[in-house]
């Protein structure tokens, strides 16, 4: 009995000091995956964003680990031009009728000063999954004074080749296939 009590006390003192992973729910009002894509082989840069998304971020600061699981509604693409929006949604490009969502699942990595600097994961776009590493350019967690809850936010970026995902519209007429992803995300600590 003494050994059992001693072991229990040891576990409480020893292991109770470790924080458990914390789950944060993506705030769709402050999360906008955006991108830049070439138009006509250097004629201009088209910029767009997706306005509907959901997901979770799990962060374990002590273990320096975590995960990201995001779903983006591909039908919510917005260039600020309804005609261009419909063209990109069509089967010539994203084919949102067949592939209505894009997903990104990854692991937080390369922590520095308690914050992750990368997400190593897989992007599924247009029905194709490929590894994509996001560079985290900025990462901050603090209590939001209006919500009275902790919120973590980040700015992340990567460059992908859209042809790798089966979206090669315009390649034969000189469009560049590289796209720059810029992702702003905020996630609220789950109750």
N, C-alpha and C. Protein backbone atom coordinates (compact mmCIF):
# COMPACT_ATOMS: atom_id res chain seq x y z
N UNK A 1 0.83 -1.19 0.00
CA UNK A 1 0.00 0.00 0.00
C UNK A 1 0.87 1.25 0.00
N UNK A 2 1.94 1.23 0.82
CA UNK A 2 2.83 2.39 0.86
C UNK A 2 3.46 2.63 -0.50
N UNK A 3 3.84 1.52 -1.16
CA UNK A 3 4.47 1.66 -2.48
C UNK A 3 3.49 2.23 -3.49
N UNK A 4 2.21 1.83 -3.41
CA UNK A 4 1.20 2.32 -4.33
C UNK A 4 0.98 3.81 -4.12
N UNK A 5 0.88 4.25 -2.87
CA UNK A 5 0.71 5.67 -2.57
C UNK A 5 1.92 6.47 -3.01
N UNK A 6 3.09 5.93 -2.74
CA UNK A 6 4.33 6.62 -3.15
C UNK A 6 4.40 6.73 -4.66
N UNK A 7 4.04 5.66 -5.37
CA UNK A 7 4.07 5.68 -6.83
C UNK A 7 3.05 6.68 -7.38
N UNK A 8 1.87 6.73 -6.78
CA UNK A 8 0.84 7.67 -7.22
C UNK A 8 1.29 9.10 -6.98
N UNK A 9 1.87 9.35 -5.81
CA UNK A 9 2.37 10.70 -5.50
C UNK A 9 3.47 11.09 -6.48
N UNK A 10 4.35 10.16 -6.79
CA UNK A 10 5.44 10.43 -7.73
C UNK A 10 4.87 10.81 -9.11
N UNK A 11 3.85 10.05 -9.58
CA UNK A 11 3.27 10.33 -10.88
C UNK A 11 2.61 11.70 -10.92
N UNK A 12 1.93 12.06 -9.82
CA UNK A 12 1.27 13.37 -9.76
C UNK A 12 2.30 14.49 -9.78
N UNK A 13 3.34 14.36 -8.96
CA UNK A 13 4.37 15.40 -8.89
C UNK A 13 5.21 15.44 -10.16
N UNK A 14 5.66 14.26 -10.57
CA UNK A 14 6.57 14.16 -11.72
C UNK A 14 5.87 14.50 -13.03
N UNK A 15 4.79 13.83 -13.29
CA UNK A 15 4.19 13.90 -14.61
C UNK A 15 3.09 14.95 -14.71
N UNK A 16 2.59 15.42 -13.61
CA UNK A 16 1.56 16.46 -13.65
C UNK A 16 2.11 17.78 -14.14
N UNK A 17 3.42 17.95 -14.10
CA UNK A 17 4.03 19.20 -14.54
C UNK A 17 4.02 19.33 -16.05
N UNK A 18 3.84 18.22 -16.76
CA UNK A 18 3.85 18.28 -18.22
C UNK A 18 2.48 18.72 -18.71
N UNK A 19 2.48 19.66 -19.60
CA UNK A 19 1.22 20.14 -20.17
C UNK A 19 0.76 19.16 -21.24
N UNK A 20 -0.53 19.00 -21.33
CA UNK A 20 -1.11 18.14 -22.35
C UNK A 20 -1.24 18.93 -23.65
N UNK A 21 -1.38 18.24 -24.75
CA UNK A 21 -1.63 18.95 -26.01
C UNK A 21 -2.92 19.77 -25.90
N UNK A 22 -2.92 20.92 -26.54
CA UNK A 22 -4.08 21.81 -26.52
C UNK A 22 -4.64 21.90 -27.93
N UNK A 23 -5.96 21.80 -28.04
CA UNK A 23 -6.63 21.88 -29.34
C UNK A 23 -7.19 23.29 -29.54
N UNK A 24 -6.99 23.80 -30.75
CA UNK A 24 -7.49 25.12 -31.17
C UNK A 24 -8.34 24.92 -32.41
N UNK A 25 -9.52 25.55 -32.42
CA UNK A 25 -10.41 25.47 -33.57
C UNK A 25 -10.15 26.66 -34.49
N UNK A 26 -10.01 26.39 -35.77
CA UNK A 26 -9.75 27.43 -36.75
C UNK A 26 -10.87 28.45 -36.73
N UNK A 27 -10.50 29.73 -36.70
CA UNK A 27 -11.46 30.83 -36.75
C UNK A 27 -11.61 31.23 -38.22
N UNK A 28 -12.73 30.83 -38.86
CA UNK A 28 -12.87 31.11 -40.29
C UNK A 28 -12.95 32.60 -40.63
N UNK A 29 -13.28 33.42 -39.65
CA UNK A 29 -13.34 34.86 -39.88
C UNK A 29 -11.97 35.53 -39.89
N UNK A 30 -10.93 34.79 -39.49
CA UNK A 30 -9.58 35.33 -39.47
C UNK A 30 -8.59 34.37 -40.15
N UNK A 31 -9.11 33.49 -41.00
CA UNK A 31 -8.27 32.52 -41.69
C UNK A 31 -8.60 32.55 -43.18
N UNK A 32 -7.62 32.93 -43.98
CA UNK A 32 -7.82 33.05 -45.42
C UNK A 32 -6.63 32.50 -46.19
N UNK A 33 -6.72 31.25 -46.64
CA UNK A 33 -5.67 30.75 -47.52
C UNK A 33 -5.72 31.54 -48.83
N UNK A 34 -4.63 32.16 -49.20
CA UNK A 34 -4.59 32.93 -50.44
C UNK A 34 -3.43 32.46 -51.30
N UNK A 35 -3.41 32.94 -52.53
CA UNK A 35 -2.38 32.48 -53.46
C UNK A 35 -2.14 33.52 -54.54
N UNK A 36 -1.01 33.37 -55.19
CA UNK A 36 -0.64 34.19 -56.33
C UNK A 36 -0.33 33.26 -57.48
N UNK A 37 -0.88 33.55 -58.65
CA UNK A 37 -0.66 32.70 -59.83
C UNK A 37 -0.35 33.57 -61.04
N UNK A 38 0.51 33.07 -61.88
CA UNK A 38 0.89 33.77 -63.10
C UNK A 38 -0.29 33.87 -64.07
N UNK A 39 -0.36 34.99 -64.78
CA UNK A 39 -1.34 35.14 -65.86
C UNK A 39 -0.59 35.46 -67.15
N UNK A 40 -0.75 34.58 -68.11
CA UNK A 40 -0.20 34.77 -69.46
C UNK A 40 1.31 34.87 -69.51
N UNK A 41 2.01 34.04 -68.74
CA UNK A 41 3.46 33.98 -68.84
C UNK A 41 4.17 35.27 -68.46
N UNK A 42 3.74 35.87 -67.37
CA UNK A 42 4.39 37.08 -66.88
C UNK A 42 3.65 38.37 -67.19
N UNK A 43 2.48 38.27 -67.81
CA UNK A 43 1.68 39.46 -68.10
C UNK A 43 1.28 40.16 -66.80
N UNK A 44 0.84 39.36 -65.82
CA UNK A 44 0.47 39.90 -64.52
C UNK A 44 0.41 38.75 -63.52
N UNK A 45 0.16 39.10 -62.27
CA UNK A 45 -0.01 38.11 -61.20
C UNK A 45 -1.45 38.19 -60.73
N UNK A 46 -2.14 37.06 -60.78
CA UNK A 46 -3.51 37.00 -60.26
C UNK A 46 -3.45 36.60 -58.79
N UNK A 47 -4.23 37.29 -57.97
CA UNK A 47 -4.28 36.98 -56.54
C UNK A 47 -5.70 36.61 -56.15
N UNK A 48 -5.81 35.53 -55.40
CA UNK A 48 -7.12 35.09 -54.95
C UNK A 48 -7.03 34.49 -53.57
N UNK A 49 -8.19 34.19 -53.01
CA UNK A 49 -8.25 33.57 -51.69
C UNK A 49 -9.47 32.68 -51.61
N UNK A 50 -9.46 31.82 -50.61
CA UNK A 50 -10.62 30.99 -50.29
C UNK A 50 -11.25 31.57 -49.03
N UNK A 51 -12.55 31.76 -49.05
CA UNK A 51 -13.22 32.46 -47.95
C UNK A 51 -13.93 31.54 -46.95
N UNK A 52 -13.96 30.23 -47.22
CA UNK A 52 -14.61 29.31 -46.28
C UNK A 52 -13.67 28.16 -45.96
N UNK A 53 -13.49 27.91 -44.67
CA UNK A 53 -12.58 26.85 -44.23
C UNK A 53 -12.94 26.42 -42.81
N UNK A 54 -12.36 25.30 -42.40
CA UNK A 54 -12.55 24.81 -41.04
C UNK A 54 -11.37 23.93 -40.69
N UNK A 55 -11.25 23.60 -39.41
CA UNK A 55 -10.18 22.69 -39.02
C UNK A 55 -9.71 22.91 -37.61
N UNK A 56 -8.64 22.19 -37.27
CA UNK A 56 -8.06 22.26 -35.93
C UNK A 56 -6.55 22.31 -36.00
N UNK A 57 -6.00 22.90 -34.95
CA UNK A 57 -4.56 22.89 -34.72
C UNK A 57 -4.37 22.33 -33.31
N UNK A 58 -3.47 21.38 -33.16
CA UNK A 58 -3.14 20.82 -31.84
C UNK A 58 -1.70 21.20 -31.55
N UNK A 59 -1.47 21.75 -30.37
CA UNK A 59 -0.13 22.23 -30.02
C UNK A 59 0.26 21.71 -28.64
N UNK A 60 1.42 21.10 -28.56
CA UNK A 60 2.00 20.67 -27.29
C UNK A 60 3.34 21.38 -27.17
N UNK A 61 3.33 22.49 -26.45
CA UNK A 61 4.53 23.33 -26.35
C UNK A 61 5.69 22.60 -25.67
N UNK A 62 5.38 21.84 -24.60
CA UNK A 62 6.45 21.15 -23.88
C UNK A 62 7.11 20.07 -24.72
N UNK A 63 6.31 19.32 -25.46
CA UNK A 63 6.86 18.25 -26.29
C UNK A 63 7.38 18.76 -27.63
N UNK A 64 7.09 20.03 -27.93
CA UNK A 64 7.47 20.65 -29.21
C UNK A 64 6.93 19.83 -30.38
N UNK A 65 5.62 19.57 -30.29
CA UNK A 65 4.92 18.83 -31.34
C UNK A 65 3.56 19.45 -31.57
N UNK A 66 2.92 19.01 -32.60
CA UNK A 66 1.57 19.46 -32.87
C UNK A 66 1.13 19.03 -34.25
N UNK A 67 -0.12 19.33 -34.56
CA UNK A 67 -0.65 18.94 -35.86
C UNK A 67 -1.60 20.02 -36.39
N UNK A 68 -1.81 19.96 -37.69
CA UNK A 68 -2.70 20.88 -38.38
C UNK A 68 -3.60 20.04 -39.27
N UNK A 69 -4.90 20.32 -39.24
CA UNK A 69 -5.86 19.60 -40.07
C UNK A 69 -6.88 20.63 -40.57
N UNK A 70 -6.75 21.03 -41.83
CA UNK A 70 -7.56 22.11 -42.38
C UNK A 70 -8.31 21.62 -43.61
N UNK A 71 -9.58 22.00 -43.72
CA UNK A 71 -10.38 21.74 -44.91
C UNK A 71 -10.82 23.09 -45.48
N UNK A 72 -10.60 23.26 -46.78
CA UNK A 72 -10.96 24.49 -47.47
C UNK A 72 -12.08 24.19 -48.46
N UNK A 73 -13.09 25.02 -48.46
CA UNK A 73 -14.19 24.91 -49.41
C UNK A 73 -13.72 25.52 -50.74
N UNK A 74 -13.42 24.66 -51.72
CA UNK A 74 -12.88 25.14 -53.00
C UNK A 74 -13.87 26.00 -53.76
N UNK A 75 -15.16 25.85 -53.47
CA UNK A 75 -16.17 26.67 -54.15
C UNK A 75 -16.15 28.12 -53.67
N UNK A 76 -15.41 28.39 -52.59
CA UNK A 76 -15.38 29.75 -52.03
C UNK A 76 -14.24 30.59 -52.61
N UNK A 77 -13.62 30.14 -53.70
CA UNK A 77 -12.51 30.88 -54.29
C UNK A 77 -12.99 32.27 -54.72
N UNK A 78 -12.16 33.27 -54.47
CA UNK A 78 -12.55 34.64 -54.77
C UNK A 78 -11.35 35.45 -55.27
N UNK A 79 -11.43 35.87 -56.53
CA UNK A 79 -10.43 36.75 -57.13
C UNK A 79 -10.91 38.20 -57.13
N UNK A 80 -12.15 38.42 -56.67
CA UNK A 80 -12.74 39.76 -56.79
C UNK A 80 -13.34 39.98 -58.17
N UNK A 81 -13.47 38.91 -58.96
CA UNK A 81 -14.02 38.97 -60.31
C UNK A 81 -14.89 37.73 -60.51
N UNK A 82 -16.22 37.87 -60.46
CA UNK A 82 -17.11 36.71 -60.56
C UNK A 82 -16.87 35.84 -61.80
N UNK A 83 -16.56 36.45 -62.94
CA UNK A 83 -16.32 35.68 -64.16
C UNK A 83 -15.07 34.81 -64.02
N UNK A 84 -14.01 35.36 -63.47
CA UNK A 84 -12.78 34.59 -63.25
C UNK A 84 -13.02 33.51 -62.20
N UNK A 85 -13.78 33.83 -61.15
CA UNK A 85 -14.11 32.82 -60.13
C UNK A 85 -14.75 31.60 -60.78
N UNK A 86 -15.74 31.82 -61.64
CA UNK A 86 -16.45 30.72 -62.28
C UNK A 86 -15.52 29.93 -63.22
N UNK A 87 -14.64 30.64 -63.92
CA UNK A 87 -13.69 29.95 -64.82
C UNK A 87 -12.79 29.01 -64.02
N UNK A 88 -12.26 29.48 -62.90
CA UNK A 88 -11.34 28.66 -62.09
C UNK A 88 -12.09 27.50 -61.42
N UNK A 89 -13.36 27.70 -61.09
CA UNK A 89 -14.16 26.62 -60.50
C UNK A 89 -14.52 25.53 -61.51
N UNK A 90 -14.46 25.86 -62.80
CA UNK A 90 -14.91 24.94 -63.85
C UNK A 90 -14.02 23.71 -63.97
N UNK A 91 -14.46 22.76 -64.80
CA UNK A 91 -13.68 21.54 -64.99
C UNK A 91 -12.39 21.78 -65.76
N UNK A 92 -12.19 22.98 -66.29
CA UNK A 92 -10.92 23.32 -66.93
C UNK A 92 -9.80 23.52 -65.91
N UNK A 93 -10.21 23.84 -64.65
CA UNK A 93 -9.20 24.10 -63.63
C UNK A 93 -9.47 23.27 -62.37
N UNK A 94 -10.12 23.84 -61.35
CA UNK A 94 -10.29 23.14 -60.08
C UNK A 94 -11.38 22.07 -60.09
N UNK A 95 -12.32 22.20 -61.01
CA UNK A 95 -13.43 21.23 -61.12
C UNK A 95 -14.09 21.01 -59.75
N UNK A 96 -14.62 22.11 -59.19
CA UNK A 96 -15.16 22.06 -57.82
C UNK A 96 -16.41 21.18 -57.69
N UNK A 97 -17.07 20.89 -58.81
CA UNK A 97 -18.21 19.96 -58.72
C UNK A 97 -17.72 18.57 -58.33
N UNK A 98 -16.58 18.18 -58.87
CA UNK A 98 -16.01 16.87 -58.59
C UNK A 98 -15.13 16.89 -57.34
N UNK A 99 -14.43 18.02 -57.11
CA UNK A 99 -13.50 18.15 -55.98
C UNK A 99 -13.86 19.40 -55.17
N UNK A 100 -14.91 19.35 -54.36
CA UNK A 100 -15.40 20.54 -53.68
C UNK A 100 -14.53 21.05 -52.52
N UNK A 101 -13.57 20.24 -52.09
CA UNK A 101 -12.72 20.68 -50.98
C UNK A 101 -11.25 20.45 -51.30
N UNK A 102 -10.42 21.22 -50.61
CA UNK A 102 -8.97 20.99 -50.57
C UNK A 102 -8.65 20.74 -49.11
N UNK A 103 -7.64 19.93 -48.84
CA UNK A 103 -7.30 19.62 -47.44
C UNK A 103 -5.79 19.71 -47.24
N UNK A 104 -5.43 20.12 -46.04
CA UNK A 104 -4.01 20.11 -45.66
C UNK A 104 -3.91 19.48 -44.28
N UNK A 105 -3.09 18.44 -44.18
CA UNK A 105 -2.84 17.77 -42.90
C UNK A 105 -1.35 17.70 -42.70
N UNK A 106 -0.89 18.18 -41.52
CA UNK A 106 0.54 18.17 -41.30
C UNK A 106 0.92 18.18 -39.83
N UNK A 107 2.21 18.13 -39.61
CA UNK A 107 2.79 18.14 -38.27
C UNK A 107 3.61 19.42 -38.09
N UNK A 108 3.43 20.07 -36.93
CA UNK A 108 4.25 21.23 -36.59
C UNK A 108 5.68 20.75 -36.35
N UNK A 109 6.65 21.53 -36.83
CA UNK A 109 8.04 21.07 -36.78
C UNK A 109 9.00 22.23 -36.56
N UNK A 110 10.24 21.85 -36.27
CA UNK A 110 11.37 22.78 -36.14
C UNK A 110 11.04 23.96 -35.21
N UNK A 111 10.73 23.64 -33.97
CA UNK A 111 10.39 24.66 -32.98
C UNK A 111 11.62 25.50 -32.65
N UNK A 112 11.39 26.80 -32.49
CA UNK A 112 12.44 27.74 -32.08
C UNK A 112 11.82 28.70 -31.08
N UNK A 113 12.42 28.80 -29.91
CA UNK A 113 11.89 29.66 -28.85
C UNK A 113 10.43 29.33 -28.54
N UNK A 114 10.09 28.04 -28.54
CA UNK A 114 8.76 27.60 -28.17
C UNK A 114 7.71 27.67 -29.27
N UNK A 115 8.11 28.09 -30.48
CA UNK A 115 7.14 28.22 -31.57
C UNK A 115 7.59 27.40 -32.78
N UNK A 116 6.63 26.78 -33.48
CA UNK A 116 7.00 26.03 -34.68
C UNK A 116 7.41 26.97 -35.80
N UNK A 117 8.32 26.52 -36.64
CA UNK A 117 8.75 27.33 -37.78
C UNK A 117 8.38 26.69 -39.11
N UNK A 118 7.85 25.46 -39.06
CA UNK A 118 7.41 24.76 -40.27
C UNK A 118 6.21 23.87 -39.97
N UNK A 119 5.48 23.55 -41.03
CA UNK A 119 4.48 22.49 -40.98
C UNK A 119 4.84 21.54 -42.12
N UNK A 120 5.09 20.29 -41.76
CA UNK A 120 5.41 19.28 -42.77
C UNK A 120 4.16 18.45 -42.97
N UNK A 121 3.60 18.51 -44.19
CA UNK A 121 2.34 17.80 -44.39
C UNK A 121 2.03 17.49 -45.83
N UNK A 122 0.77 17.15 -46.06
CA UNK A 122 0.28 16.81 -47.39
C UNK A 122 -0.89 17.70 -47.75
N UNK A 123 -0.85 18.24 -48.96
CA UNK A 123 -1.94 19.03 -49.52
C UNK A 123 -2.69 18.15 -50.50
N UNK A 124 -4.01 18.11 -50.35
CA UNK A 124 -4.86 17.42 -51.32
C UNK A 124 -5.66 18.49 -52.06
N UNK A 125 -5.40 18.59 -53.35
CA UNK A 125 -6.04 19.60 -54.20
C UNK A 125 -6.41 18.93 -55.51
N UNK A 126 -7.63 19.15 -55.98
CA UNK A 126 -8.05 18.59 -57.26
C UNK A 126 -7.95 17.06 -57.25
N UNK A 127 -8.13 16.47 -56.06
CA UNK A 127 -8.10 15.03 -55.91
C UNK A 127 -6.71 14.41 -55.86
N UNK A 128 -5.68 15.24 -55.83
CA UNK A 128 -4.30 14.76 -55.81
C UNK A 128 -3.64 15.19 -54.50
N UNK A 129 -2.96 14.25 -53.84
CA UNK A 129 -2.24 14.56 -52.60
C UNK A 129 -0.73 14.57 -52.86
N UNK A 130 -0.08 15.62 -52.38
CA UNK A 130 1.37 15.76 -52.52
C UNK A 130 1.93 16.38 -51.24
N UNK A 131 3.19 16.05 -50.89
CA UNK A 131 3.82 16.68 -49.74
C UNK A 131 4.06 18.17 -50.00
N UNK A 132 3.71 18.99 -49.01
CA UNK A 132 3.97 20.44 -49.08
C UNK A 132 4.41 20.88 -47.69
N UNK A 133 5.58 21.51 -47.62
CA UNK A 133 6.06 22.07 -46.36
C UNK A 133 5.76 23.55 -46.34
N UNK A 134 5.05 23.98 -45.30
CA UNK A 134 4.75 25.40 -45.10
C UNK A 134 5.81 26.01 -44.20
N UNK A 135 6.35 27.14 -44.60
CA UNK A 135 7.25 27.91 -43.73
C UNK A 135 6.40 28.82 -42.87
N UNK A 136 6.58 28.76 -41.57
CA UNK A 136 5.83 29.65 -40.68
C UNK A 136 6.67 30.89 -40.47
N UNK A 137 6.22 31.99 -41.04
CA UNK A 137 6.95 33.25 -40.99
C UNK A 137 6.72 34.01 -39.69
N UNK A 138 5.58 33.73 -39.07
CA UNK A 138 5.23 34.41 -37.81
C UNK A 138 4.26 33.50 -37.06
N UNK A 139 4.45 33.39 -35.73
CA UNK A 139 3.58 32.55 -34.91
C UNK A 139 3.47 33.19 -33.54
N UNK A 140 2.23 33.41 -33.08
CA UNK A 140 2.00 34.04 -31.79
C UNK A 140 0.76 33.45 -31.14
N UNK A 141 0.83 33.24 -29.83
CA UNK A 141 -0.34 32.83 -29.05
C UNK A 141 -0.50 33.83 -27.91
N UNK A 142 -1.75 34.26 -27.68
CA UNK A 142 -2.03 35.14 -26.54
C UNK A 142 -3.53 35.14 -26.29
N UNK A 143 -3.92 35.63 -25.13
CA UNK A 143 -5.34 35.72 -24.79
C UNK A 143 -5.95 36.87 -25.58
N UNK A 144 -7.02 36.55 -26.31
CA UNK A 144 -7.74 37.58 -27.04
C UNK A 144 -8.60 38.35 -26.04
N UNK A 145 -8.44 39.67 -25.93
CA UNK A 145 -9.17 40.43 -24.91
C UNK A 145 -10.68 40.42 -25.09
N UNK A 146 -11.16 40.20 -26.31
CA UNK A 146 -12.61 40.17 -26.53
C UNK A 146 -13.18 38.79 -26.24
N UNK A 147 -12.45 37.76 -26.62
CA UNK A 147 -12.95 36.39 -26.42
C UNK A 147 -12.64 35.85 -25.03
N UNK A 148 -11.62 36.45 -24.38
CA UNK A 148 -11.15 35.97 -23.06
C UNK A 148 -10.66 34.53 -23.15
N UNK A 149 -10.15 34.16 -24.31
CA UNK A 149 -9.59 32.83 -24.54
C UNK A 149 -8.29 32.96 -25.33
N UNK A 150 -7.46 31.96 -25.18
CA UNK A 150 -6.20 31.99 -25.93
C UNK A 150 -6.46 31.76 -27.42
N UNK A 151 -5.76 32.54 -28.23
CA UNK A 151 -5.83 32.41 -29.68
C UNK A 151 -4.40 32.32 -30.19
N UNK A 152 -4.17 31.40 -31.11
CA UNK A 152 -2.86 31.32 -31.78
C UNK A 152 -3.05 31.74 -33.22
N UNK A 153 -2.09 32.49 -33.71
CA UNK A 153 -2.16 32.95 -35.09
C UNK A 153 -0.83 32.75 -35.78
N UNK A 154 -0.89 32.59 -37.10
CA UNK A 154 0.34 32.38 -37.85
C UNK A 154 0.19 32.93 -39.26
N UNK A 155 1.33 33.21 -39.86
CA UNK A 155 1.43 33.54 -41.26
C UNK A 155 2.37 32.49 -41.86
N UNK A 156 1.89 31.77 -42.86
CA UNK A 156 2.69 30.69 -43.44
C UNK A 156 2.72 30.83 -44.95
N UNK A 157 3.75 30.25 -45.57
CA UNK A 157 3.86 30.35 -47.02
C UNK A 157 4.56 29.12 -47.60
N UNK A 158 4.33 28.92 -48.89
CA UNK A 158 4.97 27.84 -49.64
C UNK A 158 4.79 28.15 -51.12
N UNK A 159 5.54 27.48 -51.93
CA UNK A 159 5.36 27.55 -53.38
C UNK A 159 5.10 26.14 -53.88
N UNK A 160 4.05 25.99 -54.68
CA UNK A 160 3.72 24.69 -55.26
C UNK A 160 3.67 24.82 -56.78
N UNK A 161 3.75 23.69 -57.46
CA UNK A 161 3.55 23.63 -58.89
C UNK A 161 2.14 23.07 -59.10
N UNK A 162 1.24 23.88 -59.64
CA UNK A 162 -0.15 23.44 -59.76
C UNK A 162 -0.31 22.26 -60.71
N UNK A 163 0.61 22.11 -61.65
CA UNK A 163 0.56 20.96 -62.56
C UNK A 163 0.71 19.65 -61.79
N UNK A 164 1.48 19.67 -60.69
CA UNK A 164 1.64 18.47 -59.85
C UNK A 164 0.30 17.99 -59.31
N UNK A 165 -0.69 18.89 -59.25
CA UNK A 165 -2.01 18.56 -58.74
C UNK A 165 -3.04 18.39 -59.87
N UNK A 166 -2.54 18.26 -61.09
CA UNK A 166 -3.43 18.04 -62.23
C UNK A 166 -4.13 19.28 -62.73
N UNK A 167 -3.63 20.47 -62.37
CA UNK A 167 -4.23 21.73 -62.82
C UNK A 167 -3.22 22.41 -63.74
N UNK A 168 -3.27 22.04 -65.03
CA UNK A 168 -2.26 22.55 -65.96
C UNK A 168 -2.82 23.51 -67.01
N UNK A 169 -4.01 24.05 -66.74
CA UNK A 169 -4.62 24.98 -67.69
C UNK A 169 -3.64 26.12 -68.00
N UNK A 170 -3.46 26.41 -69.28
CA UNK A 170 -2.62 27.52 -69.72
C UNK A 170 -1.16 27.18 -69.92
N UNK A 171 -0.75 25.98 -69.54
CA UNK A 171 0.67 25.64 -69.67
C UNK A 171 1.14 25.73 -71.12
N UNK A 172 0.32 25.24 -72.04
CA UNK A 172 0.70 25.23 -73.46
C UNK A 172 0.76 26.63 -74.06
N UNK A 173 0.12 27.59 -73.42
CA UNK A 173 0.15 28.97 -73.93
C UNK A 173 1.07 29.86 -73.11
N UNK A 174 1.92 29.24 -72.28
CA UNK A 174 2.97 30.00 -71.60
C UNK A 174 2.71 30.39 -70.16
N UNK A 175 1.58 29.98 -69.57
CA UNK A 175 1.34 30.27 -68.16
C UNK A 175 2.38 29.53 -67.32
N UNK A 176 2.92 30.18 -66.32
CA UNK A 176 3.83 29.53 -65.38
C UNK A 176 3.01 28.69 -64.41
N UNK A 177 3.51 27.54 -64.05
CA UNK A 177 2.76 26.61 -63.20
C UNK A 177 2.99 26.83 -61.71
N UNK A 178 4.05 27.55 -61.34
CA UNK A 178 4.30 27.79 -59.92
C UNK A 178 3.26 28.73 -59.33
N UNK A 179 2.83 28.42 -58.11
CA UNK A 179 1.89 29.26 -57.37
C UNK A 179 2.45 29.49 -55.98
N UNK A 180 2.37 30.73 -55.52
CA UNK A 180 2.80 31.05 -54.17
C UNK A 180 1.58 31.02 -53.25
N UNK A 181 1.67 30.23 -52.18
CA UNK A 181 0.61 30.17 -51.18
C UNK A 181 0.95 31.10 -50.04
N UNK A 182 0.00 31.88 -49.59
CA UNK A 182 0.13 32.76 -48.42
C UNK A 182 -1.06 32.45 -47.53
N UNK A 183 -0.80 31.98 -46.33
CA UNK A 183 -1.90 31.54 -45.48
C UNK A 183 -1.86 32.30 -44.16
N UNK A 184 -2.93 33.01 -43.89
CA UNK A 184 -3.10 33.64 -42.59
C UNK A 184 -4.10 32.79 -41.83
N UNK A 185 -3.76 32.47 -40.60
CA UNK A 185 -4.62 31.59 -39.82
C UNK A 185 -4.67 32.06 -38.36
N UNK A 186 -5.86 32.00 -37.78
CA UNK A 186 -6.04 32.18 -36.35
C UNK A 186 -6.91 31.02 -35.86
N UNK A 187 -6.57 30.52 -34.70
CA UNK A 187 -7.32 29.40 -34.12
C UNK A 187 -7.56 29.65 -32.65
N UNK A 188 -8.75 29.37 -32.19
CA UNK A 188 -9.19 29.68 -30.83
C UNK A 188 -9.14 28.41 -29.97
N UNK A 189 -8.57 28.54 -28.77
CA UNK A 189 -8.47 27.40 -27.87
C UNK A 189 -9.85 26.83 -27.60
N UNK A 190 -9.96 25.52 -27.79
CA UNK A 190 -11.25 24.85 -27.59
C UNK A 190 -11.63 24.91 -26.11
N UNK A 191 -12.95 25.05 -25.83
CA UNK A 191 -13.38 25.12 -24.42
C UNK A 191 -13.15 23.82 -23.67
